[in-house]
Amino acid sequence: MALKTIGSTVVEFDALDSTNNYVAKALEAASYEPGSVILAHMQTEGRGRQGSTWQAEPAKNLTFSFALELDFLSLHKRFLLSKAVSVAVIEALEAVLGQEVYVKWPNDLILNQKKVCGMLIETRGSRAVHAIVGIGINVNQLKFAPELKATSLALETGMAINRRKLLDDICRQLQAQIELLRNGHHEAINASYAARLYRRNEWTQVQCGHRNYQLMVKDVDDQGMLITHSRQGHTELFRAGELKITY
C-alpha cells in the first residue's frame, strides 16, 4: 500500500453497518484507496471491543475508519499503533476543549470521568498485514443512557462543534503521530501516552473475574499489557479483557 496522507480522501456515507467492516471488505477486494477515511453519519452495527456495540445518534457524532499497512511495526510492538492513535485523538480533542482528556486502557478516552471516545483496531491479511483503525467520538449528541457513563464535546463546551473541521484536525494529528511511529520515535509516543494514562500512579478500583479490588496503574507495554502494582508490592500484568478499570 503506497503511503498517502491520512484523510487525503474522505468518503462519506449517510449510513453503514460499520466503517471498519466497509474498510475490511475494500481491502479484501483490493479497492481500498490508501489514505482514505471512511466516514458514516450513522452506523447500524458499530462495534467496540469483544463484540460490544457503539451507540450514537445519526449525524451527531464522528464515526470513521481507515487502514494502514503494518510493515513498519514488528508483531511484539503492535500496540504502539494504538498508543499513537490515542495520543493523536487526545491532542485534537484537547485543542477544542481546553480540558485534559485521558486514555483508559485499552481503548477508551475519558473526559471528566466519562467516556467521550472509543477506538477499535483490527488486523487483517496474511502476507501484507493491515490495521483497520476505527474511531467513534461523541461530538454533538446531548443525551446518553446513564449506564453508559458517556459525555460529548457539546455537553462539555456548551456549544455545537463543527464535525468536519474536527475530523480534519484529527487526521492531521494522526498523520503526525504515525509518522513519528514510522520513523522509530517509540520513546516519544510511549511518554506521551503514559502521561495521559487514566488513573496512572493512583490506587484504582478494578474488576477481575468476580473479584473487586485496588491496583495502581503504572504503564502499558508495547504489546498492550497493562502494568500494575498491587497493595502487596507485586507487579502484575494484564491482557485486554482480563481486567476492567471502573470509573
Protein backbone atom coordinates (compact mmCIF):
# COMPACT_ATOMS: atom_id res chain seq x y z
CA MET A 1 0.00 0.00 0.00
CA ALA A 2 1.52 3.31 -1.05
CA LEU A 3 1.99 5.99 1.58
CA LYS A 4 -0.59 8.74 1.41
CA THR A 5 -1.72 11.34 3.92
CA ILE A 6 -4.47 10.13 6.22
CA GLY A 7 -7.67 11.92 5.25
CA SER A 8 -6.42 12.87 1.79
CA THR A 9 -9.79 11.50 0.70
CA VAL A 10 -12.89 11.35 2.88
CA VAL A 11 -15.65 9.06 1.62
CA GLU A 12 -18.95 9.90 3.33
CA PHE A 13 -21.99 7.68 3.79
CA ASP A 14 -25.34 8.52 5.34
CA ALA A 15 -25.34 5.05 6.90
CA LEU A 16 -23.16 1.93 7.07
CA ASP A 17 -23.32 -1.17 9.20
CA SER A 18 -19.76 -0.47 10.36
CA THR A 19 -16.98 1.66 8.91
CA ASN A 20 -14.47 -1.00 9.96
CA ASN A 21 -16.47 -3.61 8.03
CA TYR A 22 -16.50 -1.37 4.96
CA VAL A 23 -12.73 -0.92 5.03
CA ALA A 24 -12.19 -4.66 5.60
CA LYS A 25 -14.27 -5.51 2.52
CA ALA A 26 -12.46 -2.88 0.46
CA LEU A 27 -9.11 -4.38 1.47
CA GLU A 28 -10.28 -7.87 0.52
CA ALA A 29 -11.40 -6.55 -2.86
CA ALA A 30 -8.13 -4.60 -3.31
CA SER A 31 -10.23 -1.46 -3.77
CA TYR A 32 -9.18 0.48 -0.69
CA GLU A 33 -7.50 3.76 -1.63
CA PRO A 34 -4.55 4.45 0.70
CA GLY A 35 -5.14 7.42 2.96
CA SER A 36 -8.91 7.25 2.58
CA VAL A 37 -11.09 7.84 5.60
CA ILE A 38 -14.49 6.18 5.56
CA LEU A 39 -17.00 8.32 7.43
CA ALA A 40 -20.54 7.22 8.30
CA HIS A 41 -23.11 9.66 9.67
CA MET A 42 -24.85 6.65 11.18
CA GLN A 43 -23.62 3.15 11.98
CA THR A 44 -26.24 0.42 12.32
CA GLU A 45 -23.79 -2.14 13.73
CA GLY A 46 -20.97 -0.05 15.15
CA ARG A 47 -18.63 -2.24 17.17
CA GLY A 48 -16.37 -1.91 20.16
CA ARG A 49 -14.01 -4.45 21.65
CA GLN A 50 -15.18 -8.03 22.32
CA GLY A 51 -18.42 -7.58 20.39
CA SER A 52 -19.76 -4.58 22.29
CA THR A 53 -21.83 -2.06 20.34
CA TRP A 54 -21.17 1.63 19.74
CA GLN A 55 -24.36 3.62 20.28
CA ALA A 56 -24.68 7.03 18.62
CA GLU A 57 -27.41 9.29 17.27
CA PRO A 58 -27.39 9.87 13.47
CA ALA A 59 -25.45 12.90 12.19
CA LYS A 60 -24.38 13.99 15.67
CA ASN A 61 -21.00 12.35 16.12
CA LEU A 62 -17.90 11.18 14.29
CA THR A 63 -17.60 7.50 13.34
CA PHE A 64 -14.86 6.74 10.84
CA SER A 65 -12.18 4.24 9.86
CA PHE A 66 -9.02 3.99 7.78
CA ALA A 67 -6.40 1.34 7.03
CA LEU A 68 -2.62 1.21 7.37
CA GLU A 69 -0.14 -1.38 6.23
CA LEU A 70 1.81 -2.55 9.27
CA ASP A 71 5.14 -3.08 7.55
CA PHE A 72 6.81 -0.66 9.97
CA LEU A 73 5.87 -2.44 13.22
CA SER A 74 7.04 -5.82 14.45
CA LEU A 75 4.43 -8.14 15.93
CA HIS A 76 5.52 -7.58 19.53
CA LYS A 77 5.21 -3.80 19.17
CA ARG A 78 1.78 -3.60 17.52
CA PHE A 79 0.13 -1.82 20.47
CA LEU A 80 2.31 1.19 19.69
CA LEU A 81 -0.18 1.97 16.93
CA SER A 82 -2.99 2.13 19.48
CA LYS A 83 -0.83 4.45 21.58
CA ALA A 84 -0.11 6.74 18.63
CA VAL A 85 -3.79 6.88 17.64
CA SER A 86 -4.83 7.63 21.23
CA VAL A 87 -2.34 10.49 21.56
CA ALA A 88 -3.39 11.95 18.19
CA VAL A 89 -7.09 12.00 19.06
CA ILE A 90 -6.40 13.39 22.53
CA GLU A 91 -4.30 16.22 21.07
CA ALA A 92 -7.12 17.19 18.71
CA LEU A 93 -9.83 16.98 21.38
CA GLU A 94 -7.86 18.96 23.94
CA ALA A 95 -7.37 21.75 21.39
CA VAL A 96 -11.17 22.04 21.13
CA LEU A 97 -11.96 21.54 24.80
CA GLY A 98 -9.20 23.31 26.64
CA GLN A 99 -9.50 20.41 29.10
CA GLU A 100 -7.48 17.28 29.72
CA VAL A 101 -8.51 14.00 28.12
CA TYR A 102 -7.19 10.64 29.29
CA VAL A 103 -6.89 7.19 27.74
CA LYS A 104 -8.48 4.38 29.76
CA TRP A 105 -6.75 1.17 28.84
CA PRO A 106 -7.15 -0.41 26.41
CA ASN A 107 -9.15 1.79 24.04
CA ASP A 108 -11.44 4.45 25.56
CA LEU A 109 -10.89 8.16 26.03
CA ILE A 110 -12.19 9.72 29.23
CA LEU A 111 -13.27 13.31 29.81
CA ASN A 112 -14.40 14.42 33.27
CA GLN A 113 -14.76 10.78 34.35
CA LYS A 114 -16.99 9.92 31.39
CA LYS A 115 -16.37 8.20 28.05
CA VAL A 116 -16.07 10.55 25.09
CA CYS A 117 -14.38 8.30 22.51
CA GLY A 118 -13.86 4.64 21.71
CA MET A 119 -11.38 3.03 19.34
CA LEU A 120 -11.22 -0.37 17.69
CA ILE A 121 -8.07 -1.50 15.87
CA GLU A 122 -8.25 -4.77 13.94
CA THR A 123 -5.60 -6.54 11.88
CA ARG A 124 -6.32 -8.22 8.55
CA GLY A 125 -4.34 -10.07 5.92
CA SER A 126 -1.80 -12.86 5.78
CA ARG A 127 1.06 -11.57 3.61
CA ALA A 128 0.66 -7.80 3.85
CA VAL A 129 -0.88 -7.22 7.28
CA HIS A 130 -3.09 -4.18 7.59
CA ALA A 131 -4.51 -2.42 10.62
CA ILE A 132 -8.04 -1.11 10.35
CA VAL A 133 -8.42 1.81 12.73
CA GLY A 134 -11.96 2.65 13.80
CA ILE A 135 -12.73 5.74 15.88
CA GLY A 136 -16.02 6.87 17.38
CA ILE A 137 -16.28 10.26 19.10
CA ASN A 138 -19.28 11.74 20.90
CA VAL A 139 -19.44 15.21 19.39
CA ASN A 140 -22.87 16.88 19.37
CA GLN A 141 -25.05 14.24 21.00
CA LEU A 142 -26.68 15.62 24.15
CA LYS A 143 -28.41 12.61 25.70
CA PHE A 144 -26.93 9.29 26.76
CA ALA A 145 -28.30 6.41 28.78
CA PRO A 146 -26.99 6.84 32.37
CA GLU A 147 -25.44 3.39 32.42
CA LEU A 148 -23.15 4.33 29.53
CA LYS A 149 -21.32 6.93 31.66
CA ALA A 150 -20.76 8.95 28.49
CA THR A 151 -20.38 12.60 27.57
CA SER A 152 -19.80 14.63 24.40
CA LEU A 153 -17.82 17.65 23.28
CA ALA A 154 -21.03 19.68 23.03
CA LEU A 155 -22.07 18.77 26.57
CA GLU A 156 -18.69 19.76 27.93
CA THR A 157 -18.26 23.00 25.98
CA GLY A 158 -21.90 24.12 25.81
CA MET A 159 -21.72 24.66 22.05
CA ALA A 160 -22.11 22.72 18.82
CA ILE A 161 -18.88 21.51 17.25
CA ASN A 162 -18.07 21.52 13.51
CA ARG A 163 -17.63 17.80 12.92
CA ARG A 164 -15.82 18.11 9.59
CA LYS A 165 -13.27 20.57 10.96
CA LEU A 166 -12.71 18.27 13.93
CA LEU A 167 -12.19 15.32 11.57
CA ASP A 168 -9.61 17.32 9.60
CA ASP A 169 -7.79 18.24 12.82
CA ILE A 170 -7.77 14.62 13.97
CA CYS A 171 -6.42 13.44 10.61
CA ARG A 172 -3.56 15.94 10.84
CA GLN A 173 -2.69 14.71 14.32
CA LEU A 174 -2.95 11.08 13.20
CA GLN A 175 -0.58 11.73 10.34
CA ALA A 176 1.93 13.41 12.65
CA GLN A 177 1.87 10.64 15.25
CA ILE A 178 2.03 7.80 12.73
CA GLU A 179 4.99 9.48 11.02
CA LEU A 180 6.73 9.51 14.41
CA LEU A 181 5.92 5.82 14.70
CA ARG A 182 7.20 5.03 11.20
CA ASN A 183 10.43 6.89 11.95
CA GLY A 184 11.06 4.86 15.09
CA HIS A 185 10.33 7.53 17.72
CA HIS A 186 8.79 4.98 20.04
CA GLU A 187 10.03 6.58 23.25
CA ALA A 188 8.29 9.86 22.46
CA ILE A 189 4.99 8.09 21.77
CA ASN A 190 5.31 5.96 24.90
CA ALA A 191 5.99 9.06 27.01
CA SER A 192 3.03 10.98 25.57
CA TYR A 193 0.74 8.00 26.09
CA ALA A 194 1.90 7.31 29.64
CA ALA A 195 1.37 10.95 30.60
CA ARG A 196 -2.28 10.62 29.54
CA LEU A 197 -2.96 7.20 31.05
CA TYR A 198 -6.14 7.27 33.13
CA ARG A 199 -5.56 6.84 36.87
CA ARG A 200 -1.82 6.43 36.42
CA ASN A 201 0.03 6.19 39.75
CA GLU A 202 -3.28 6.13 41.62
CA TRP A 203 -4.92 3.33 43.57
CA THR A 204 -7.75 2.33 41.28
CA GLN A 205 -10.77 0.10 41.71
CA VAL A 206 -10.66 -2.80 39.24
CA GLN A 207 -12.70 -5.88 38.45
CA CYS A 208 -11.00 -9.15 37.57
CA GLY A 209 -13.43 -12.00 37.11
CA HIS A 210 -15.65 -11.92 40.19
CA ARG A 211 -13.08 -10.04 42.28
CA ASN A 212 -13.18 -6.32 43.01
CA TYR A 213 -10.05 -4.78 44.50
CA GLN A 214 -7.50 -2.00 44.06
CA LEU A 215 -4.37 -1.81 41.94
CA MET A 216 -2.06 1.04 41.00
CA VAL A 217 -1.92 1.62 37.24
CA LYS A 218 1.68 2.19 36.17
CA ASP A 219 2.02 1.85 32.38
CA VAL A 220 1.15 -0.15 29.26
CA ASP A 221 3.83 -2.05 27.36
CA ASP A 222 4.25 -2.24 23.57
CA GLN A 223 2.19 -5.43 23.42
CA GLY A 224 -0.75 -3.78 25.18
CA MET A 225 -0.23 -5.37 28.59
CA LEU A 226 -1.35 -3.21 31.50
CA ILE A 227 1.41 -2.93 34.11
CA THR A 228 0.13 -2.53 37.68
CA HIS A 229 1.35 -2.67 41.27
CA SER A 230 -0.61 -4.49 43.95
CA ARG A 231 -1.10 -3.48 47.59
CA GLN A 232 1.29 -6.30 48.44
CA GLY A 233 4.03 -4.67 46.35
CA HIS A 234 3.87 -7.09 43.41
CA THR A 235 3.99 -6.11 39.74
CA GLU A 236 1.05 -7.63 37.86
CA LEU A 237 0.43 -7.60 34.10
CA PHE A 238 -2.94 -7.98 32.41
CA ARG A 239 -4.05 -8.55 28.84
CA ALA A 240 -7.01 -6.64 27.42
CA GLY A 241 -10.19 -8.34 28.57
CA GLU A 242 -8.68 -9.77 31.74
CA LEU A 243 -9.23 -6.67 33.85
CA LYS A 244 -11.79 -3.86 33.92
CA ILE A 245 -10.93 -0.44 35.32
CA THR A 246 -14.04 1.02 36.92
CA TYR A 247 -14.89 4.71 36.66
